[in-house]
């Protein structure tokens, strides 16, 4: 049963990553469209406003894709390879000295 669950998670991750690629593709298409507008020989104020809106839309789409990717990694983590020993090792905590020379551990959470 464990194998079926792992396979289902892999399929879900693959589907989600495909959707993420579509989001990135759309963002890329929009940014190219926007930058193409800058090549117009006589760019007027109205066209420049359209350029700014399209570029903002592209940047928003990129941000959505990044957020979507973070959710994928959180909800459908990539399973470790069966022969990968590294996943069994606990990572060492990162530490820094604060202003009063107290060592504090940094936590890397969502």
C-alpha atoms as a PDB file:
ATOM      1  CA  UNK A   1       0.000   0.000   0.000  1.00  0.00           C
ATOM      2  CA  UNK A   2       2.877   2.348   0.767  1.00  0.00           C
ATOM      3  CA  UNK A   3       4.089   2.027  -2.819  1.00  0.00           C
ATOM      4  CA  UNK A   4       0.639   2.961  -4.185  1.00  0.00           C
ATOM      5  CA  UNK A   5       0.574   6.053  -1.997  1.00  0.00           C
ATOM      6  CA  UNK A   6       4.083   7.046  -3.078  1.00  0.00           C
ATOM      7  CA  UNK A   7       3.145   6.571  -6.732  1.00  0.00           C
ATOM      8  CA  UNK A   8       0.011   8.674  -6.291  1.00  0.00           C
ATOM      9  CA  UNK A   9       2.067  11.466  -4.678  1.00  0.00           C
ATOM     10  CA  UNK A  10       4.529  11.304  -7.592  1.00  0.00           C
ATOM     11  CA  UNK A  11       1.667  11.600 -10.101  1.00  0.00           C
ATOM     12  CA  UNK A  12       0.165  14.538  -8.206  1.00  0.00           C
ATOM     13  CA  UNK A  13       3.549  16.258  -8.065  1.00  0.00           C
ATOM     14  CA  UNK A  14       4.125  15.685 -11.778  1.00  0.00           C
ATOM     15  CA  UNK A  15       0.703  17.122 -12.638  1.00  0.00           C
ATOM     16  CA  UNK A  16       1.264  20.126 -10.388  1.00  0.00           C
ATOM     17  CA  UNK A  17       4.699  20.729 -11.928  1.00  0.00           C
ATOM     18  CA  UNK A  18       3.143  20.633 -15.415  1.00  0.00           C
ATOM     19  CA  UNK A  19       0.674  23.307 -14.337  1.00  0.00           C
ATOM     20  CA  UNK A  20       3.544  25.318 -12.897  1.00  0.00           C
ATOM     21  CA  UNK A  21       5.325  25.130 -16.258  1.00  0.00           C
ATOM     22  CA  UNK A  22       2.183  26.465 -17.942  1.00  0.00           C
ATOM     23  CA  UNK A  23       2.110  29.385 -15.490  1.00  0.00           C
ATOM     24  CA  UNK A  24       5.771  30.145 -16.178  1.00  0.00           C
ATOM     25  CA  UNK A  25       5.158  29.877 -19.921  1.00  0.00           C
ATOM     26  CA  UNK A  26       2.283  32.347 -19.723  1.00  0.00           C
ATOM     27  CA  UNK A  27       4.381  34.757 -17.668  1.00  0.00           C
ATOM     28  CA  UNK A  28       7.201  34.478 -20.192  1.00  0.00           C
ATOM     29  CA  UNK A  29       4.795  35.066 -23.089  1.00  0.00           C
ATOM     30  CA  UNK A  30       3.428  38.202 -21.413  1.00  0.00           C
ATOM     31  CA  UNK A  31       6.851  39.654 -20.661  1.00  0.00           C
ATOM     32  CA  UNK A  32       7.932  39.072 -24.264  1.00  0.00           C
ATOM     33  CA  UNK A  33       4.752  40.762 -25.491  1.00  0.00           C
ATOM     34  CA  UNK A  34       5.398  43.721 -23.218  1.00  0.00           C
ATOM     35  CA  UNK A  35       9.008  44.097 -24.297  1.00  0.00           C
ATOM     36  CA  UNK A  36       7.980  43.837 -27.945  1.00  0.00           C
ATOM     37  CA  UNK A  37       5.831  46.928 -27.397  1.00  0.00           C
ATOM     38  CA  UNK A  38       8.963  48.907 -26.525  1.00  0.00           C
ATOM     39  CA  UNK A  39      10.251  48.356 -30.060  1.00  0.00           C
ATOM     40  CA  UNK A  40       7.379  50.334 -31.619  1.00  0.00           C
ATOM     41  CA  UNK A  41       8.879  53.227 -33.606  1.00  0.00           C
ATOM     42  CA  UNK A  42       6.549  55.849 -32.127  1.00  0.00           C
ATOM     43  CA  UNK A  43       5.616  54.684 -28.667  1.00  0.00           C
ATOM     44  CA  UNK A  44       2.975  57.028 -27.281  1.00  0.00           C
ATOM     45  CA  UNK A  45       1.734  57.436 -23.700  1.00  0.00           C
ATOM     46  CA  UNK A  46      -1.239  55.105 -24.183  1.00  0.00           C
ATOM     47  CA  UNK A  47       0.955  52.339 -25.600  1.00  0.00           C
ATOM     48  CA  UNK A  48       3.425  52.827 -22.766  1.00  0.00           C
ATOM     49  CA  UNK A  49       0.600  52.445 -20.227  1.00  0.00           C
ATOM     50  CA  UNK A  50      -0.411  49.195 -21.971  1.00  0.00           C
ATOM     51  CA  UNK A  51       3.228  48.083 -21.752  1.00  0.00           C
ATOM     52  CA  UNK A  52       3.315  48.805 -17.998  1.00  0.00           C
ATOM     53  CA  UNK A  53       0.049  46.908 -17.391  1.00  0.00           C
ATOM     54  CA  UNK A  54       1.226  43.921 -19.426  1.00  0.00           C
ATOM     55  CA  UNK A  55       4.594  43.851 -17.681  1.00  0.00           C
ATOM     56  CA  UNK A  56       2.909  44.072 -14.263  1.00  0.00           C
ATOM     57  CA  UNK A  57       0.619  41.223 -15.302  1.00  0.00           C
ATOM     58  CA  UNK A  58       3.650  39.145 -16.335  1.00  0.00           C
ATOM     59  CA  UNK A  59       5.424  39.822 -13.045  1.00  0.00           C
ATOM     60  CA  UNK A  60       2.275  38.873 -11.139  1.00  0.00           C
ATOM     61  CA  UNK A  61       2.107  35.640 -13.126  1.00  0.00           C
ATOM     62  CA  UNK A  62       5.754  34.884 -12.279  1.00  0.00           C
ATOM     63  CA  UNK A  63       4.991  35.507  -8.588  1.00  0.00           C
ATOM     64  CA  UNK A  64       2.007  33.138  -8.764  1.00  0.00           C
ATOM     65  CA  UNK A  65       4.204  30.471 -10.342  1.00  0.00           C
ATOM     66  CA  UNK A  66       6.797  30.832  -7.570  1.00  0.00           C
ATOM     67  CA  UNK A  67       4.117  30.644  -4.887  1.00  0.00           C
ATOM     68  CA  UNK A  68       2.606  27.626  -6.628  1.00  0.00           C
ATOM     69  CA  UNK A  69       6.015  25.926  -6.721  1.00  0.00           C
ATOM     70  CA  UNK A  70       6.487  26.510  -2.987  1.00  0.00           C
ATOM     71  CA  UNK A  71       3.089  24.900  -2.336  1.00  0.00           C
ATOM     72  CA  UNK A  72       4.024  21.939  -4.542  1.00  0.00           C
ATOM     73  CA  UNK A  73       7.255  21.441  -2.631  1.00  0.00           C
ATOM     74  CA  UNK A  74       5.397  21.678   0.665  1.00  0.00           C
ATOM     75  CA  UNK A  75       2.407  19.466  -0.193  1.00  0.00           C
ATOM     76  CA  UNK A  76       4.073  17.036  -2.617  1.00  0.00           C
ATOM     77  CA  UNK A  77       7.726  16.823  -1.591  1.00  0.00           C
ATOM     78  CA  UNK A  78      10.006  14.982  -3.938  1.00  0.00           C
ATOM     79  CA  UNK A  79      10.546  11.530  -2.471  1.00  0.00           C
ATOM     80  CA  UNK A  80      14.139  10.628  -1.676  1.00  0.00           C
ATOM     81  CA  UNK A  81      15.802   8.155  -3.989  1.00  0.00           C
ATOM     82  CA  UNK A  82      15.837   4.677  -2.506  1.00  0.00           C
ATOM     83  CA  UNK A  83      19.641   4.481  -2.648  1.00  0.00           C
ATOM     84  CA  UNK A  84      20.142   8.035  -1.357  1.00  0.00           C
ATOM     85  CA  UNK A  85      21.798   7.918   2.063  1.00  0.00           C
ATOM     86  CA  UNK A  86      21.902  11.706   2.461  1.00  0.00           C
ATOM     87  CA  UNK A  87      18.237  11.925   3.472  1.00  0.00           C
ATOM     88  CA  UNK A  88      18.984   9.913   6.608  1.00  0.00           C
ATOM     89  CA  UNK A  89      21.468  12.470   7.906  1.00  0.00           C
ATOM     90  CA  UNK A  90      20.123  15.275  10.065  1.00  0.00           C
ATOM     91  CA  UNK A  91      21.259  18.699   8.847  1.00  0.00           C
ATOM     92  CA  UNK A  92      23.396  20.704  11.242  1.00  0.00           C
ATOM     93  CA  UNK A  93      21.607  23.797  12.564  1.00  0.00           C
ATOM     94  CA  UNK A  94      22.845  27.123  11.259  1.00  0.00           C
ATOM     95  CA  UNK A  95      24.091  29.406  14.009  1.00  0.00           C
ATOM     96  CA  UNK A  96      25.043  33.048  14.241  1.00  0.00           C
ATOM     97  CA  UNK A  97      26.190  35.348  16.987  1.00  0.00           C
ATOM     98  CA  UNK A  98      23.822  38.134  17.889  1.00  0.00           C
ATOM     99  CA  UNK A  99      24.853  41.554  19.211  1.00  0.00           C
ATOM    100  CA  UNK A 100      25.405  40.168  22.733  1.00  0.00           C
ATOM    101  CA  UNK A 101      27.505  37.197  21.585  1.00  0.00           C
ATOM    102  CA  UNK A 102      24.738  34.721  22.321  1.00  0.00           C
ATOM    103  CA  UNK A 103      24.601  31.873  19.848  1.00  0.00           C
ATOM    104  CA  UNK A 104      21.180  31.385  18.376  1.00  0.00           C
ATOM    105  CA  UNK A 105      19.962  28.742  16.011  1.00  0.00           C
ATOM    106  CA  UNK A 106      18.315  29.853  12.806  1.00  0.00           C
ATOM    107  CA  UNK A 107      15.181  27.971  11.802  1.00  0.00           C
ATOM    108  CA  UNK A 108      14.261  27.758   8.146  1.00  0.00           C
ATOM    109  CA  UNK A 109      10.482  27.436   8.091  1.00  0.00           C
ATOM    110  CA  UNK A 110       7.826  28.263   5.484  1.00  0.00           C
END
